[in-house]
Amino acid sequence: MVDARPMQIGELAERTGLSIRTLRHYDEIGLLRPSARSEGGFRLYTADDESRLLLIRRMKPLGYSLEQMGELLAVVDGLSASPADPVLTARLADIRDEAQRRREDLRRQLAAADEFVSQLEAR
């Protein structure tokens, strides 16, 4: 059963491994806005907000800028509203292709790092 209870910022930070400071920054720049605010003004996040944040977090190791992350989220949001939009579908395919290229670059870097560590261990 999914917990439908809204989370405060500290719980979301703990669940996602990101800092409260990062979450506040994402709110300030519009990357991840809380779904609601408590009567006391505390940010409240939903499971959908958590999923969105995890998508953002998964982009970080691939070297995406905050602007690029925002663009991807706009495409995802647009496709949620209009799943058959050909422009958004094409843009998502472009983003996916770029992510695969970035992943391959990381794979090559990791292989080089493994070789380096092996050489050090052989000495």
PDB file of N, CA and C in Angstrom:
ATOM      1  N   MET A   1       0.840  -1.188   0.000  1.00  0.00           N
ATOM      2  CA  MET A   1       0.000   0.000   0.000  1.00  0.00           C
ATOM      3  C   MET A   1       0.881   1.246   0.000  1.00  0.00           C
ATOM      4  N   VAL A   2       0.598   2.181  -0.868  1.00  0.00           N
ATOM      5  CA  VAL A   2       1.365   3.411  -0.984  1.00  0.00           C
ATOM      6  C   VAL A   2       0.904   4.392   0.091  1.00  0.00           C
ATOM      7  N   ASP A   3       1.866   5.041   0.724  1.00  0.00           N
ATOM      8  CA  ASP A   3       1.556   6.026   1.750  1.00  0.00           C
ATOM      9  C   ASP A   3       1.140   7.325   1.052  1.00  0.00           C
ATOM     10  N   ALA A   4      -0.144   7.696   1.179  1.00  0.00           N
ATOM     11  CA  ALA A   4      -0.657   8.890   0.508  1.00  0.00           C
ATOM     12  C   ALA A   4      -0.492  10.141   1.366  1.00  0.00           C
ATOM     13  N   ARG A   5       0.040   9.985   2.547  1.00  0.00           N
ATOM     14  CA  ARG A   5       0.224  11.107   3.466  1.00  0.00           C
ATOM     15  C   ARG A   5       1.288  12.042   2.920  1.00  0.00           C
ATOM     16  N   PRO A   6       1.015  13.354   2.922  1.00  0.00           N
ATOM     17  CA  PRO A   6       2.042  14.297   2.451  1.00  0.00           C
ATOM     18  C   PRO A   6       3.265  14.279   3.371  1.00  0.00           C
ATOM     19  N   MET A   7       4.413  14.540   2.773  1.00  0.00           N
ATOM     20  CA  MET A   7       5.684  14.558   3.512  1.00  0.00           C
ATOM     21  C   MET A   7       6.161  15.994   3.648  1.00  0.00           C
ATOM     22  N   GLN A   8       6.787  16.261   4.772  1.00  0.00           N
ATOM     23  CA  GLN A   8       7.479  17.532   4.909  1.00  0.00           C
ATOM     24  C   GLN A   8       8.847  17.392   4.263  1.00  0.00           C
ATOM     25  N   ILE A   9       9.509  18.500   4.106  1.00  0.00           N
ATOM     26  CA  ILE A   9      10.764  18.549   3.360  1.00  0.00           C
ATOM     27  C   ILE A   9      11.840  17.622   3.946  1.00  0.00           C
ATOM     28  N   GLY A  10      11.918  17.532   5.262  1.00  0.00           N
ATOM     29  CA  GLY A  10      12.926  16.679   5.893  1.00  0.00           C
ATOM     30  C   GLY A  10      12.738  15.215   5.557  1.00  0.00           C
ATOM     31  N   GLU A  11      11.494  14.764   5.558  1.00  0.00           N
ATOM     32  CA  GLU A  11      11.212  13.367   5.220  1.00  0.00           C
ATOM     33  C   GLU A  11      11.541  13.091   3.758  1.00  0.00           C
ATOM     34  N   LEU A  12      11.176  14.016   2.882  1.00  0.00           N
ATOM     35  CA  LEU A  12      11.482  13.834   1.462  1.00  0.00           C
ATOM     36  C   LEU A  12      12.995  13.804   1.244  1.00  0.00           C
ATOM     37  N   ALA A  13      13.705  14.684   1.918  1.00  0.00           N
ATOM     38  CA  ALA A  13      15.163  14.704   1.800  1.00  0.00           C
ATOM     39  C   ALA A  13      15.745  13.363   2.252  1.00  0.00           C
ATOM     40  N   GLU A  14      15.269  12.854   3.360  1.00  0.00           N
ATOM     41  CA  GLU A  14      15.773  11.579   3.877  1.00  0.00           C
ATOM     42  C   GLU A  14      15.454  10.440   2.916  1.00  0.00           C
ATOM     43  N   ARG A  15      14.250  10.430   2.393  1.00  0.00           N
ATOM     44  CA  ARG A  15      13.830   9.335   1.502  1.00  0.00           C
ATOM     45  C   ARG A  15      14.579   9.338   0.177  1.00  0.00           C
ATOM     46  N   THR A  16      15.027  10.507  -0.271  1.00  0.00           N
ATOM     47  CA  THR A  16      15.668  10.602  -1.585  1.00  0.00           C
ATOM     48  C   THR A  16      17.188  10.758  -1.522  1.00  0.00           C
ATOM     49  N   GLY A  17      17.713  10.999  -0.334  1.00  0.00           N
ATOM     50  CA  GLY A  17      19.156  11.162  -0.205  1.00  0.00           C
ATOM     51  C   GLY A  17      19.655  12.526  -0.650  1.00  0.00           C
ATOM     52  N   LEU A  18      18.766  13.475  -0.796  1.00  0.00           N
ATOM     53  CA  LEU A  18      19.149  14.837  -1.154  1.00  0.00           C
ATOM     54  C   LEU A  18      19.012  15.726   0.072  1.00  0.00           C
ATOM     55  N   SER A  19      19.724  16.825   0.058  1.00  0.00           N
ATOM     56  CA  SER A  19      19.690  17.713   1.218  1.00  0.00           C
ATOM     57  C   SER A  19      18.454  18.615   1.188  1.00  0.00           C
ATOM     58  N   ILE A  20      18.083  19.090   2.362  1.00  0.00           N
ATOM     59  CA  ILE A  20      16.986  20.049   2.471  1.00  0.00           C
ATOM     60  C   ILE A  20      17.339  21.305   1.681  1.00  0.00           C
ATOM     61  N   ARG A  21      18.580  21.698   1.752  1.00  0.00           N
ATOM     62  CA  ARG A  21      19.032  22.881   1.013  1.00  0.00           C
ATOM     63  C   ARG A  21      18.799  22.709  -0.495  1.00  0.00           C
ATOM     64  N   THR A  22      19.121  21.517  -1.003  1.00  0.00           N
ATOM     65  CA  THR A  22      18.897  21.230  -2.426  1.00  0.00           C
ATOM     66  C   THR A  22      17.417  21.317  -2.763  1.00  0.00           C
ATOM     67  N   LEU A  23      16.576  20.739  -1.923  1.00  0.00           N
ATOM     68  CA  LEU A  23      15.132  20.770  -2.183  1.00  0.00           C
ATOM     69  C   LEU A  23      14.602  22.200  -2.166  1.00  0.00           C
ATOM     70  N   ARG A  24      15.087  22.999  -1.253  1.00  0.00           N
ATOM     71  CA  ARG A  24      14.661  24.408  -1.216  1.00  0.00           C
ATOM     72  C   ARG A  24      15.110  25.138  -2.475  1.00  0.00           C
ATOM     73  N   HIS A  25      16.338  24.834  -2.921  1.00  0.00           N
ATOM     74  CA  HIS A  25      16.841  25.465  -4.145  1.00  0.00           C
ATOM     75  C   HIS A  25      15.988  25.051  -5.345  1.00  0.00           C
ATOM     76  N   TYR A  26      15.659  23.769  -5.434  1.00  0.00           N
ATOM     77  CA  TYR A  26      14.820  23.297  -6.537  1.00  0.00           C
ATOM     78  C   TYR A  26      13.465  23.995  -6.524  1.00  0.00           C
ATOM     79  N   ASP A  27      12.930  24.267  -5.333  1.00  0.00           N
ATOM     80  CA  ASP A  27      11.674  25.001  -5.228  1.00  0.00           C
ATOM     81  C   ASP A  27      11.865  26.437  -5.720  1.00  0.00           C
ATOM     82  N   GLU A  28      12.935  27.082  -5.294  1.00  0.00           N
ATOM     83  CA  GLU A  28      13.195  28.479  -5.674  1.00  0.00           C
ATOM     84  C   GLU A  28      13.314  28.659  -7.179  1.00  0.00           C
ATOM     85  N   ILE A  29      13.924  27.690  -7.863  1.00  0.00           N
ATOM     86  CA  ILE A  29      14.120  27.819  -9.307  1.00  0.00           C
ATOM     87  C   ILE A  29      12.987  27.172 -10.112  1.00  0.00           C
ATOM     88  N   GLY A  30      12.008  26.583  -9.415  1.00  0.00           N
ATOM     89  CA  GLY A  30      10.847  26.012 -10.093  1.00  0.00           C
ATOM     90  C   GLY A  30      11.029  24.606 -10.615  1.00  0.00           C
ATOM     91  N   LEU A  31      12.102  23.942 -10.232  1.00  0.00           N
ATOM     92  CA  LEU A  31      12.340  22.585 -10.710  1.00  0.00           C
ATOM     93  C   LEU A  31      11.421  21.586 -10.008  1.00  0.00           C
ATOM     94  N   LEU A  32      11.210  21.780  -8.721  1.00  0.00           N
ATOM     95  CA  LEU A  32      10.322  20.905  -7.959  1.00  0.00           C
ATOM     96  C   LEU A  32       9.595  21.744  -6.920  1.00  0.00           C
ATOM     97  N   ARG A  33       8.372  22.052  -7.214  1.00  0.00           N
ATOM     98  CA  ARG A  33       7.550  22.820  -6.282  1.00  0.00           C
ATOM     99  C   ARG A  33       6.789  21.847  -5.386  1.00  0.00           C
ATOM    100  N   PRO A  34       6.631  22.183  -4.108  1.00  0.00           N
ATOM    101  CA  PRO A  34       5.814  21.325  -3.247  1.00  0.00           C
ATOM    102  C   PRO A  34       4.364  21.348  -3.715  1.00  0.00           C
ATOM    103  N   SER A  35       3.665  20.257  -3.512  1.00  0.00           N
ATOM    104  CA  SER A  35       2.265  20.180  -3.935  1.00  0.00           C
ATOM    105  C   SER A  35       1.357  21.054  -3.086  1.00  0.00           C
ATOM    106  N   ALA A  36       1.795  21.309  -1.860  1.00  0.00           N
ATOM    107  CA  ALA A  36       0.958  22.106  -0.954  1.00  0.00           C
ATOM    108  C   ALA A  36       1.837  22.697   0.136  1.00  0.00           C
ATOM    109  N   ARG A  37       1.198  23.479   0.975  1.00  0.00           N
ATOM    110  CA  ARG A  37       1.842  24.027   2.172  1.00  0.00           C
ATOM    111  C   ARG A  37       0.920  23.761   3.349  1.00  0.00           C
ATOM    112  N   SER A  38       1.519  23.492   4.490  1.00  0.00           N
ATOM    113  CA  SER A  38       0.725  23.295   5.696  1.00  0.00           C
ATOM    114  C   SER A  38       0.198  24.637   6.179  1.00  0.00           C
ATOM    115  N   GLU A  39      -0.680  24.603   7.154  1.00  0.00           N
ATOM    116  CA  GLU A  39      -1.199  25.851   7.720  1.00  0.00           C
ATOM    117  C   GLU A  39      -0.065  26.702   8.278  1.00  0.00           C
ATOM    118  N   GLY A  40       0.984  26.037   8.734  1.00  0.00           N
ATOM    119  CA  GLY A  40       2.143  26.748   9.266  1.00  0.00           C
ATOM    120  C   GLY A  40       3.139  27.178   8.200  1.00  0.00           C
ATOM    121  N   GLY A  41       2.847  26.895   6.934  1.00  0.00           N
ATOM    122  CA  GLY A  41       3.713  27.314   5.839  1.00  0.00           C
ATOM    123  C   GLY A  41       4.781  26.315   5.441  1.00  0.00           C
ATOM    124  N   PHE A  42       4.753  25.114   6.042  1.00  0.00           N
ATOM    125  CA  PHE A  42       5.747  24.102   5.694  1.00  0.00           C
ATOM    126  C   PHE A  42       5.433  23.491   4.333  1.00  0.00           C
ATOM    127  N   ARG A  43       6.489  23.227   3.568  1.00  0.00           N
ATOM    128  CA  ARG A  43       6.323  22.584   2.266  1.00  0.00           C
ATOM    129  C   ARG A  43       5.813  21.157   2.490  1.00  0.00           C
ATOM    130  N   LEU A  44       4.842  20.757   1.662  1.00  0.00           N
ATOM    131  CA  LEU A  44       4.310  19.401   1.718  1.00  0.00           C
ATOM    132  C   LEU A  44       4.446  18.757   0.346  1.00  0.00           C
ATOM    133  N   TYR A  45       4.974  17.545   0.343  1.00  0.00           N
ATOM    134  CA  TYR A  45       5.248  16.829  -0.896  1.00  0.00           C
ATOM    135  C   TYR A  45       4.461  15.525  -0.943  1.00  0.00           C
ATOM    136  N   THR A  46       4.108  15.111  -2.141  1.00  0.00           N
ATOM    137  CA  THR A  46       3.362  13.872  -2.360  1.00  0.00           C
ATOM    138  C   THR A  46       4.296  12.799  -2.934  1.00  0.00           C
ATOM    139  N   ALA A  47       3.741  11.604  -3.085  1.00  0.00           N
ATOM    140  CA  ALA A  47       4.496  10.523  -3.723  1.00  0.00           C
ATOM    141  C   ALA A  47       4.866  10.900  -5.163  1.00  0.00           C
ATOM    142  N   ASP A  48       3.994  11.629  -5.849  1.00  0.00           N
ATOM    143  CA  ASP A  48       4.313  12.087  -7.215  1.00  0.00           C
ATOM    144  C   ASP A  48       5.493  13.053  -7.195  1.00  0.00           C
ATOM    145  N   ASP A  49       5.540  13.920  -6.186  1.00  0.00           N
ATOM    146  CA  ASP A  49       6.679  14.833  -6.046  1.00  0.00           C
ATOM    147  C   ASP A  49       7.960  14.042  -5.818  1.00  0.00           C
ATOM    148  N   GLU A  50       7.863  13.002  -5.009  1.00  0.00           N
ATOM    149  CA  GLU A  50       9.031  12.154  -4.744  1.00  0.00           C
ATOM    150  C   GLU A  50       9.501  11.488  -6.035  1.00  0.00           C
ATOM    151  N   SER A  51       8.581  10.983  -6.828  1.00  0.00           N
ATOM    152  CA  SER A  51       8.946  10.353  -8.112  1.00  0.00           C
ATOM    153  C   SER A  51       9.635  11.354  -9.030  1.00  0.00           C
ATOM    154  N   ARG A  52       9.110  12.564  -9.067  1.00  0.00           N
ATOM    155  CA  ARG A  52       9.701  13.625  -9.892  1.00  0.00           C
ATOM    156  C   ARG A  52      11.119  13.930  -9.408  1.00  0.00           C
ATOM    157  N   LEU A  53      11.287  14.006  -8.099  1.00  0.00           N
ATOM    158  CA  LEU A  53      12.600  14.279  -7.528  1.00  0.00           C
ATOM    159  C   LEU A  53      13.587  13.155  -7.833  1.00  0.00           C
ATOM    160  N   LEU A  54      13.116  11.919  -7.788  1.00  0.00           N
ATOM    161  CA  LEU A  54      13.998  10.796  -8.111  1.00  0.00           C
ATOM    162  C   LEU A  54      14.427  10.840  -9.576  1.00  0.00           C
ATOM    163  N   LEU A  55      13.550  11.297 -10.455  1.00  0.00           N
ATOM    164  CA  LEU A  55      13.918  11.473 -11.864  1.00  0.00           C
ATOM    165  C   LEU A  55      15.029  12.519 -11.980  1.00  0.00           C
ATOM    166  N   ILE A  56      14.873  13.615 -11.263  1.00  0.00           N
ATOM    167  CA  ILE A  56      15.896  14.662 -11.258  1.00  0.00           C
ATOM    168  C   ILE A  56      17.212  14.091 -10.737  1.00  0.00           C
ATOM    169  N   ARG A  57      17.144  13.372  -9.637  1.00  0.00           N
ATOM    170  CA  ARG A  57      18.361  12.817  -9.027  1.00  0.00           C
ATOM    171  C   ARG A  57      19.078  11.859  -9.982  1.00  0.00           C
ATOM    172  N   ARG A  58      18.326  11.130 -10.763  1.00  0.00           N
ATOM    173  CA  ARG A  58      18.937  10.185 -11.701  1.00  0.00           C
ATOM    174  C   ARG A  58      19.607  10.882 -12.876  1.00  0.00           C
ATOM    175  N   MET A  59      19.250  12.130 -13.125  1.00  0.00           N
ATOM    176  CA  MET A  59      19.871  12.887 -14.204  1.00  0.00           C
ATOM    177  C   MET A  59      21.231  13.461 -13.788  1.00  0.00           C
ATOM    178  N   LYS A  60      21.403  13.672 -12.490  1.00  0.00           N
ATOM    179  CA  LYS A  60      22.615  14.334 -12.003  1.00  0.00           C
ATOM    180  C   LYS A  60      23.903  13.605 -12.409  1.00  0.00           C
ATOM    181  N   PRO A  61      24.001  12.285 -12.227  1.00  0.00           N
ATOM    182  CA  PRO A  61      25.262  11.625 -12.600  1.00  0.00           C
ATOM    183  C   PRO A  61      25.581  11.697 -14.089  1.00  0.00           C
ATOM    184  N   LEU A  62      24.571  11.960 -14.889  1.00  0.00           N
ATOM    185  CA  LEU A  62      24.778  12.065 -16.332  1.00  0.00           C
ATOM    186  C   LEU A  62      25.200  13.470 -16.749  1.00  0.00           C
ATOM    187  N   GLY A  63      25.315  14.362 -15.778  1.00  0.00           N
ATOM    188  CA  GLY A  63      25.839  15.692 -16.059  1.00  0.00           C
ATOM    189  C   GLY A  63      24.850  16.689 -16.621  1.00  0.00           C
ATOM    190  N   TYR A  64      23.574  16.454 -16.447  1.00  0.00           N
ATOM    191  CA  TYR A  64      22.583  17.403 -16.936  1.00  0.00           C
ATOM    192  C   TYR A  64      22.591  18.659 -16.077  1.00  0.00           C
ATOM    193  N   SER A  65      22.424  19.803 -16.719  1.00  0.00           N
ATOM    194  CA  SER A  65      22.317  21.065 -15.999  1.00  0.00           C
ATOM    195  C   SER A  65      20.904  21.187 -15.434  1.00  0.00           C
ATOM    196  N   LEU A  66      20.718  22.110 -14.511  1.00  0.00           N
ATOM    197  CA  LEU A  66      19.388  22.348 -13.956  1.00  0.00           C
ATOM    198  C   LEU A  66      18.419  22.790 -15.059  1.00  0.00           C
ATOM    199  N   GLU A  67      18.915  23.570 -15.996  1.00  0.00           N
ATOM    200  CA  GLU A  67      18.082  24.009 -17.115  1.00  0.00           C
ATOM    201  C   GLU A  67      17.641  22.814 -17.960  1.00  0.00           C
ATOM    202  N   GLN A  68      18.558  21.904 -18.236  1.00  0.00           N
ATOM    203  CA  GLN A  68      18.218  20.712 -19.021  1.00  0.00           C
ATOM    204  C   GLN A  68      17.234  19.821 -18.258  1.00  0.00           C
ATOM    205  N   MET A  69      17.411  19.737 -16.935  1.00  0.00           N
ATOM    206  CA  MET A  69      16.475  18.966 -16.121  1.00  0.00           C
ATOM    207  C   MET A  69      15.079  19.571 -16.221  1.00  0.00           C
ATOM    208  N   GLY A  70      15.008  20.883 -16.151  1.00  0.00           N
ATOM    209  CA  GLY A  70      13.728  21.568 -16.275  1.00  0.00           C
ATOM    210  C   GLY A  70      13.076  21.311 -17.622  1.00  0.00           C
ATOM    211  N   GLU A  71      13.892  21.291 -18.671  1.00  0.00           N
ATOM    212  CA  GLU A  71      13.361  21.017 -20.004  1.00  0.00           C
ATOM    213  C   GLU A  71      12.768  19.610 -20.071  1.00  0.00           C
ATOM    214  N   LEU A  72      13.490  18.629 -19.541  1.00  0.00           N
ATOM    215  CA  LEU A  72      12.973  17.256 -19.543  1.00  0.00           C
ATOM    216  C   LEU A  72      11.659  17.186 -18.770  1.00  0.00           C
ATOM    217  N   LEU A  73      11.607  17.818 -17.609  1.00  0.00           N
ATOM    218  CA  LEU A  73      10.388  17.779 -16.807  1.00  0.00           C
ATOM    219  C   LEU A  73       9.229  18.435 -17.546  1.00  0.00           C
ATOM    220  N   ALA A  74       9.496  19.495 -18.284  1.00  0.00           N
ATOM    221  CA  ALA A  74       8.447  20.143 -19.076  1.00  0.00           C
ATOM    222  C   ALA A  74       7.931  19.191 -20.154  1.00  0.00           C
ATOM    223  N   VAL A  75       8.836  18.433 -20.766  1.00  0.00           N
ATOM    224  CA  VAL A  75       8.422  17.454 -21.775  1.00  0.00           C
ATOM    225  C   VAL A  75       7.576  16.359 -21.129  1.00  0.00           C
ATOM    226  N   VAL A  76       8.034  15.848 -19.988  1.00  0.00           N
ATOM    227  CA  VAL A  76       7.289  14.800 -19.279  1.00  0.00           C
ATOM    228  C   VAL A  76       5.903  15.314 -18.887  1.00  0.00           C
ATOM    229  N   ASP A  77       5.848  16.532 -18.348  1.00  0.00           N
ATOM    230  CA  ASP A  77       4.562  17.114 -17.966  1.00  0.00           C
ATOM    231  C   ASP A  77       3.657  17.286 -19.187  1.00  0.00           C
ATOM    232  N   GLY A  78       4.240  17.753 -20.287  1.00  0.00           N
ATOM    233  CA  GLY A  78       3.460  17.941 -21.510  1.00  0.00           C
ATOM    234  C   GLY A  78       2.903  16.634 -22.034  1.00  0.00           C
ATOM    235  N   LEU A  79       3.703  15.578 -21.960  1.00  0.00           N
ATOM    236  CA  LEU A  79       3.232  14.270 -22.427  1.00  0.00           C
ATOM    237  C   LEU A  79       2.175  13.685 -21.502  1.00  0.00           C
ATOM    238  N   SER A  80       2.232  14.034 -20.229  1.00  0.00           N
ATOM    239  CA  SER A  80       1.172  13.584 -19.313  1.00  0.00           C
ATOM    240  C   SER A  80      -0.162  14.200 -19.713  1.00  0.00           C
ATOM    241  N   ALA A  81      -0.123  15.448 -20.154  1.00  0.00           N
ATOM    242  CA  ALA A  81      -1.337  16.145 -20.573  1.00  0.00           C
ATOM    243  C   ALA A  81      -1.769  15.753 -21.986  1.00  0.00           C
ATOM    244  N   SER A  82      -0.793  15.531 -22.866  1.00  0.00           N
ATOM    245  CA  SER A  82      -1.071  15.203 -24.275  1.00  0.00           C
ATOM    246  C   SER A  82      -0.144  14.080 -24.729  1.00  0.00           C
ATOM    247  N   PRO A  83      -0.475  12.839 -24.379  1.00  0.00           N
ATOM    248  CA  PRO A  83       0.432  11.712 -24.655  1.00  0.00           C
ATOM    249  C   PRO A  83       0.791  11.500 -26.123  1.00  0.00           C
ATOM    250  N   ALA A  84      -0.039  11.944 -27.028  1.00  0.00           N
ATOM    251  CA  ALA A  84       0.224  11.710 -28.454  1.00  0.00           C
ATOM    252  C   ALA A  84       0.869  12.905 -29.147  1.00  0.00           C
ATOM    253  N   ASP A  85       1.269  13.919 -28.404  1.00  0.00           N
ATOM    254  CA  ASP A  85       1.859  15.116 -29.023  1.00  0.00           C
ATOM    255  C   ASP A  85       3.139  14.726 -29.756  1.00  0.00           C
ATOM    256  N   PRO A  86       3.169  14.887 -31.081  1.00  0.00           N
ATOM    257  CA  PRO A  86       4.327  14.433 -31.850  1.00  0.00           C
ATOM    258  C   PRO A  86       5.601  15.230 -31.556  1.00  0.00           C
ATOM    259  N   VAL A  87       5.477  16.505 -31.275  1.00  0.00           N
ATOM    260  CA  VAL A  87       6.654  17.327 -30.991  1.00  0.00           C
ATOM    261  C   VAL A  87       7.285  16.886 -29.671  1.00  0.00           C
ATOM    262  N   LEU A  88       6.443  16.698 -28.656  1.00  0.00           N
ATOM    263  CA  LEU A  88       6.956  16.266 -27.356  1.00  0.00           C
ATOM    264  C   LEU A  88       7.504  14.850 -27.409  1.00  0.00           C
ATOM    265  N   THR A  89       6.841  13.990 -28.160  1.00  0.00           N
ATOM    266  CA  THR A  89       7.313  12.607 -28.309  1.00  0.00           C
ATOM    267  C   THR A  89       8.689  12.586 -28.973  1.00  0.00           C
ATOM    268  N   ALA A  90       8.869  13.403 -29.982  1.00  0.00           N
ATOM    269  CA  ALA A  90      10.163  13.480 -30.671  1.00  0.00           C
ATOM    270  C   ALA A  90      11.224  14.060 -29.736  1.00  0.00           C
ATOM    271  N   ARG A  91      10.857  15.070 -28.968  1.00  0.00           N
ATOM    272  CA  ARG A  91      11.824  15.677 -28.044  1.00  0.00           C
ATOM    273  C   ARG A  91      12.235  14.678 -26.975  1.00  0.00           C
ATOM    274  N   LEU A  92      11.280  13.882 -26.469  1.00  0.00           N
ATOM    275  CA  LEU A  92      11.609  12.859 -25.482  1.00  0.00           C
ATOM    276  C   LEU A  92      12.563  11.821 -26.079  1.00  0.00           C
ATOM    277  N   ALA A  93      12.368  11.455 -27.317  1.00  0.00           N
ATOM    278  CA  ALA A  93      13.268  10.506 -27.989  1.00  0.00           C
ATOM    279  C   ALA A  93      14.671  11.095 -28.089  1.00  0.00           C
ATOM    280  N   ASP A  94      14.764  12.389 -28.413  1.00  0.00           N
ATOM    281  CA  ASP A  94      16.074  13.054 -28.472  1.00  0.00           C
ATOM    282  C   ASP A  94      16.757  13.038 -27.101  1.00  0.00           C
ATOM    283  N   ILE A  95      15.983  13.327 -26.066  1.00  0.00           N
ATOM    284  CA  ILE A  95      16.539  13.335 -24.706  1.00  0.00           C
ATOM    285  C   ILE A  95      16.997  11.940 -24.321  1.00  0.00           C
ATOM    286  N   ARG A  96      16.211  10.931 -24.660  1.00  0.00           N
ATOM    287  CA  ARG A  96      16.582   9.539 -24.374  1.00  0.00           C
ATOM    288  C   ARG A  96      17.870   9.165 -25.102  1.00  0.00           C
ATOM    289  N   ASP A  97      18.001   9.552 -26.372  1.00  0.00           N
ATOM    290  CA  ASP A  97      19.221   9.264 -27.130  1.00  0.00           C
ATOM    291  C   ASP A  97      20.438   9.931 -26.481  1.00  0.00           C
ATOM    292  N   GLU A  98      20.268  11.182 -26.056  1.00  0.00           N
ATOM    293  CA  GLU A  98      21.353  11.903 -25.384  1.00  0.00           C
ATOM    294  C   GLU A  98      21.727  11.225 -24.066  1.00  0.00           C
ATOM    295  N   ALA A  99      20.726  10.767 -23.327  1.00  0.00           N
ATOM    296  CA  ALA A  99      20.995  10.072 -22.060  1.00  0.00           C
ATOM    297  C   ALA A  99      21.779   8.786 -22.313  1.00  0.00           C
ATOM    298  N   GLN A 100      21.450   8.082 -23.369  1.00  0.00           N
ATOM    299  CA  GLN A 100      22.192   6.861 -23.703  1.00  0.00           C
ATOM    300  C   GLN A 100      23.642   7.178 -24.074  1.00  0.00           C
ATOM    301  N   ARG A 101      23.862   8.274 -24.794  1.00  0.00           N
ATOM    302  CA  ARG A 101      25.232   8.681 -25.129  1.00  0.00           C
ATOM    303  C   ARG A 101      26.011   9.032 -23.858  1.00  0.00           C
ATOM    304  N   ARG A 102      25.361   9.763 -22.988  1.00  0.00           N
ATOM    305  CA  ARG A 102      26.024  10.138 -21.731  1.00  0.00           C
ATOM    306  C   ARG A 102      26.329   8.899 -20.882  1.00  0.00           C
ATOM    307  N   ARG A 103      25.404   7.956 -20.872  1.00  0.00           N
ATOM    308  CA  ARG A 103      25.620   6.713 -20.127  1.00  0.00           C
ATOM    309  C   ARG A 103      26.824   5.957 -20.691  1.00  0.00           C
ATOM    310  N   GLU A 104      26.932   5.900 -21.994  1.00  0.00           N
ATOM    311  CA  GLU A 104      28.063   5.212 -22.627  1.00  0.00           C
ATOM    312  C   GLU A 104      29.375   5.916 -22.286  1.00  0.00           C
ATOM    313  N   ASP A 105      29.369   7.236 -22.273  1.00  0.00           N
ATOM    314  CA  ASP A 105      30.568   7.985 -21.871  1.00  0.00           C
ATOM    315  C   ASP A 105      30.975   7.630 -20.439  1.00  0.00           C
ATOM    316  N   LEU A 106      29.986   7.559 -19.556  1.00  0.00           N
ATOM    317  CA  LEU A 106      30.282   7.184 -18.167  1.00  0.00           C
ATOM    318  C   LEU A 106      30.830   5.764 -18.081  1.00  0.00           C
ATOM    319  N   ARG A 107      30.269   4.858 -18.892  1.00  0.00           N
ATOM    320  CA  ARG A 107      30.755   3.473 -18.907  1.00  0.00           C
ATOM    321  C   ARG A 107      32.228   3.431 -19.310  1.00  0.00           C
ATOM    322  N   ARG A 108      32.599   4.213 -20.319  1.00  0.00           N
ATOM    323  CA  ARG A 108      33.996   4.259 -20.755  1.00  0.00           C
ATOM    324  C   ARG A 108      34.895   4.847 -19.664  1.00  0.00           C
ATOM    325  N   GLN A 109      34.418   5.893 -19.003  1.00  0.00           N
ATOM    326  CA  GLN A 109      35.194   6.496 -17.910  1.00  0.00           C
ATOM    327  C   GLN A 109      35.380   5.508 -16.765  1.00  0.00           C
ATOM    328  N   LEU A 110      34.342   4.756 -16.449  1.00  0.00           N
ATOM    329  CA  LEU A 110      34.432   3.759 -15.384  1.00  0.00           C
ATOM    330  C   LEU A 110      35.417   2.656 -15.760  1.00  0.00           C
ATOM    331  N   ALA A 111      35.389   2.224 -17.009  1.00  0.00           N
ATOM    332  CA  ALA A 111      36.333   1.197 -17.459  1.00  0.00           C
ATOM    333  C   ALA A 111      37.767   1.707 -17.341  1.00  0.00           C
ATOM    334  N   ALA A 112      38.004   2.966 -17.703  1.00  0.00           N
ATOM    335  CA  ALA A 112      39.349   3.540 -17.572  1.00  0.00           C
ATOM    336  C   ALA A 112      39.753   3.631 -16.108  1.00  0.00           C
ATOM    337  N   ALA A 113      38.818   3.997 -15.246  1.00  0.00           N
ATOM    338  CA  ALA A 113      39.112   4.069 -13.813  1.00  0.00           C
ATOM    339  C   ALA A 113      39.429   2.686 -13.262  1.00  0.00           C
ATOM    340  N   ASP A 114      38.715   1.674 -13.711  1.00  0.00           N
ATOM    341  CA  ASP A 114      38.991   0.295 -13.278  1.00  0.00           C
ATOM    342  C   ASP A 114      40.391  -0.139 -13.698  1.00  0.00           C
ATOM    343  N   GLU A 115      40.781   0.210 -14.922  1.00  0.00           N
ATOM    344  CA  GLU A 115      42.125  -0.121 -15.392  1.00  0.00           C
ATOM    345  C   GLU A 115      43.183   0.583 -14.543  1.00  0.00           C
ATOM    346  N   PHE A 116      42.952   1.821 -14.230  1.00  0.00           N
ATOM    347  CA  PHE A 116      43.878   2.593 -13.404  1.00  0.00           C
ATOM    348  C   PHE A 116      44.033   1.948 -12.028  1.00  0.00           C
ATOM    349  N   VAL A 117      42.928   1.610 -11.405  1.00  0.00           N
ATOM    350  CA  VAL A 117      42.984   0.981 -10.070  1.00  0.00           C
ATOM    351  C   VAL A 117      43.714  -0.351 -10.155  1.00  0.00           C
ATOM    352  N   SER A 118      43.463  -1.121 -11.203  1.00  0.00           N
ATOM    353  CA  SER A 118      44.159  -2.405 -11.382  1.00  0.00           C
ATOM    354  C   SER A 118      45.661  -2.212 -11.502  1.00  0.00           C
ATOM    355  N   GLN A 119      46.066  -1.183 -12.233  1.00  0.00           N
ATOM    356  CA  GLN A 119      47.499  -0.897 -12.374  1.00  0.00           C
ATOM    357  C   GLN A 119      48.111  -0.517 -11.021  1.00  0.00           C
ATOM    358  N   LEU A 120      47.397   0.257 -10.237  1.00  0.00           N
ATOM    359  CA  LEU A 120      47.899   0.626  -8.909  1.00  0.00           C
ATOM    360  C   LEU A 120      48.009  -0.574  -7.998  1.00  0.00           C
ATOM    361  N   GLU A 121      47.025  -1.460  -8.075  1.00  0.00           N
ATOM    362  CA  GLU A 121      47.035  -2.648  -7.227  1.00  0.00           C
ATOM    363  C   GLU A 121      48.136  -3.613  -7.630  1.00  0.00           C
ATOM    364  N   ALA A 122      48.557  -3.582  -8.892  1.00  0.00           N
ATOM    365  CA  ALA A 122      49.597  -4.494  -9.398  1.00  0.00           C
ATOM    366  C   ALA A 122      50.991  -4.051  -8.935  1.00  0.00           C
ATOM    367  N   ARG A 123      51.127  -2.843  -8.423  1.00  0.00           N
ATOM    368  CA  ARG A 123      52.450  -2.322  -8.022  1.00  0.00           C
ATOM    369  C   ARG A 123      52.788  -2.708  -6.632  1.00  0.00           C
TER     370      ARG A 123
END
